N, C-alpha and C. Protein backbone atom coordinates (compact mmCIF):
# COMPACT_ATOMS: atom_id res chain seq x y z
N UNK A 1 -3.69 -2.12 -19.90
CA UNK A 1 -4.86 -2.46 -19.15
C UNK A 1 -5.51 -1.20 -18.58
N UNK A 2 -4.69 -0.33 -18.01
CA UNK A 2 -5.23 0.90 -17.43
C UNK A 2 -5.94 1.73 -18.49
N UNK A 3 -5.33 1.85 -19.66
CA UNK A 3 -5.95 2.61 -20.74
C UNK A 3 -7.27 2.00 -21.18
N UNK A 4 -7.34 0.69 -21.24
CA UNK A 4 -8.58 0.01 -21.65
C UNK A 4 -9.69 0.25 -20.63
N UNK A 5 -9.36 0.19 -19.36
CA UNK A 5 -10.35 0.42 -18.31
C UNK A 5 -10.83 1.87 -18.35
N UNK A 6 -9.89 2.81 -18.51
CA UNK A 6 -10.27 4.22 -18.57
C UNK A 6 -11.16 4.52 -19.77
N UNK A 7 -10.83 3.95 -20.94
CA UNK A 7 -11.65 4.19 -22.13
C UNK A 7 -13.03 3.57 -21.99
N UNK A 8 -13.10 2.40 -21.40
CA UNK A 8 -14.39 1.69 -21.31
C UNK A 8 -15.29 2.25 -20.22
N UNK A 9 -14.72 2.54 -19.04
CA UNK A 9 -15.54 2.91 -17.89
C UNK A 9 -15.38 4.35 -17.43
N UNK A 10 -14.39 5.08 -17.97
CA UNK A 10 -14.16 6.45 -17.52
C UNK A 10 -13.76 6.45 -16.05
N UNK A 11 -14.38 7.31 -15.28
CA UNK A 11 -14.08 7.40 -13.85
C UNK A 11 -14.95 6.49 -13.00
N UNK A 12 -15.86 5.77 -13.62
CA UNK A 12 -16.77 4.87 -12.91
C UNK A 12 -16.18 3.47 -12.82
N UNK A 13 -16.54 2.75 -11.80
CA UNK A 13 -16.16 1.35 -11.69
C UNK A 13 -17.21 0.49 -12.38
N UNK A 14 -16.81 -0.65 -12.92
CA UNK A 14 -17.80 -1.53 -13.56
C UNK A 14 -18.78 -2.07 -12.53
N UNK A 15 -20.00 -2.37 -12.98
CA UNK A 15 -21.03 -2.89 -12.08
C UNK A 15 -20.68 -4.27 -11.55
N UNK A 16 -19.94 -5.04 -12.32
CA UNK A 16 -19.51 -6.37 -11.89
C UNK A 16 -18.05 -6.54 -12.30
N UNK A 17 -17.35 -7.50 -11.70
CA UNK A 17 -15.93 -7.69 -12.03
C UNK A 17 -15.72 -7.94 -13.53
N UNK A 18 -14.63 -7.41 -14.05
CA UNK A 18 -14.29 -7.58 -15.45
C UNK A 18 -13.58 -8.91 -15.63
N UNK A 19 -13.99 -9.67 -16.65
CA UNK A 19 -13.30 -10.93 -16.96
C UNK A 19 -12.26 -10.63 -18.02
N UNK A 20 -10.99 -10.80 -17.67
CA UNK A 20 -9.90 -10.49 -18.57
C UNK A 20 -9.52 -11.72 -19.37
N UNK A 21 -9.39 -11.55 -20.67
CA UNK A 21 -8.88 -12.62 -21.52
C UNK A 21 -7.37 -12.60 -21.43
N UNK A 22 -6.76 -13.75 -21.23
CA UNK A 22 -5.32 -13.80 -21.05
C UNK A 22 -4.68 -14.68 -22.11
N UNK A 23 -3.37 -14.54 -22.23
CA UNK A 23 -2.64 -15.42 -23.13
C UNK A 23 -2.02 -16.54 -22.31
N UNK A 24 -1.17 -17.30 -22.90
CA UNK A 24 -0.52 -18.40 -22.18
C UNK A 24 0.87 -17.99 -21.72
N UNK A 25 1.03 -16.73 -21.35
CA UNK A 25 2.32 -16.21 -20.92
C UNK A 25 2.72 -16.72 -19.55
N UNK A 26 3.75 -16.12 -19.04
CA UNK A 26 4.32 -16.51 -17.75
C UNK A 26 3.28 -16.44 -16.64
N UNK A 27 3.30 -17.42 -15.76
CA UNK A 27 2.38 -17.40 -14.62
C UNK A 27 2.69 -16.23 -13.70
N UNK A 28 3.93 -15.80 -13.64
CA UNK A 28 4.28 -14.65 -12.80
C UNK A 28 3.69 -13.37 -13.37
N UNK A 29 3.77 -13.23 -14.66
CA UNK A 29 3.19 -12.05 -15.32
C UNK A 29 1.68 -12.04 -15.10
N UNK A 30 1.05 -13.18 -15.21
CA UNK A 30 -0.40 -13.26 -15.02
C UNK A 30 -0.77 -12.85 -13.61
N UNK A 31 0.00 -13.26 -12.62
CA UNK A 31 -0.28 -12.89 -11.23
C UNK A 31 -0.16 -11.38 -11.05
N UNK A 32 0.88 -10.79 -11.62
CA UNK A 32 1.05 -9.34 -11.52
C UNK A 32 -0.10 -8.61 -12.21
N UNK A 33 -0.56 -9.15 -13.32
CA UNK A 33 -1.68 -8.54 -14.05
C UNK A 33 -2.94 -8.59 -13.21
N UNK A 34 -3.20 -9.72 -12.57
CA UNK A 34 -4.39 -9.83 -11.71
C UNK A 34 -4.30 -8.87 -10.53
N UNK A 35 -3.12 -8.73 -9.94
CA UNK A 35 -2.95 -7.80 -8.83
C UNK A 35 -3.22 -6.37 -9.29
N UNK A 36 -2.72 -6.00 -10.47
CA UNK A 36 -2.94 -4.66 -11.00
C UNK A 36 -4.43 -4.42 -11.25
N UNK A 37 -5.12 -5.41 -11.79
CA UNK A 37 -6.56 -5.28 -12.03
C UNK A 37 -7.31 -5.07 -10.72
N UNK A 38 -6.91 -5.77 -9.67
CA UNK A 38 -7.55 -5.56 -8.37
C UNK A 38 -7.32 -4.14 -7.87
N UNK A 39 -6.12 -3.60 -8.09
CA UNK A 39 -5.82 -2.23 -7.68
C UNK A 39 -6.72 -1.23 -8.42
N UNK A 40 -7.07 -1.55 -9.66
CA UNK A 40 -7.95 -0.68 -10.44
C UNK A 40 -9.41 -0.82 -10.00
N UNK A 41 -9.71 -1.85 -9.23
CA UNK A 41 -11.08 -2.11 -8.83
C UNK A 41 -11.86 -2.82 -9.91
N UNK A 42 -11.14 -3.44 -10.84
CA UNK A 42 -11.81 -4.11 -11.96
C UNK A 42 -11.89 -5.60 -11.72
């Protein structure tokens, strides 16, 4: 996720929140992923 954000936006934050496509994996993993995205400012 971090690599994708860096490649797409560089050092800039996106103008609006990024909508992440998710799989049907564990709900715990999904929560951790959302928390990480918030830390990135995405």
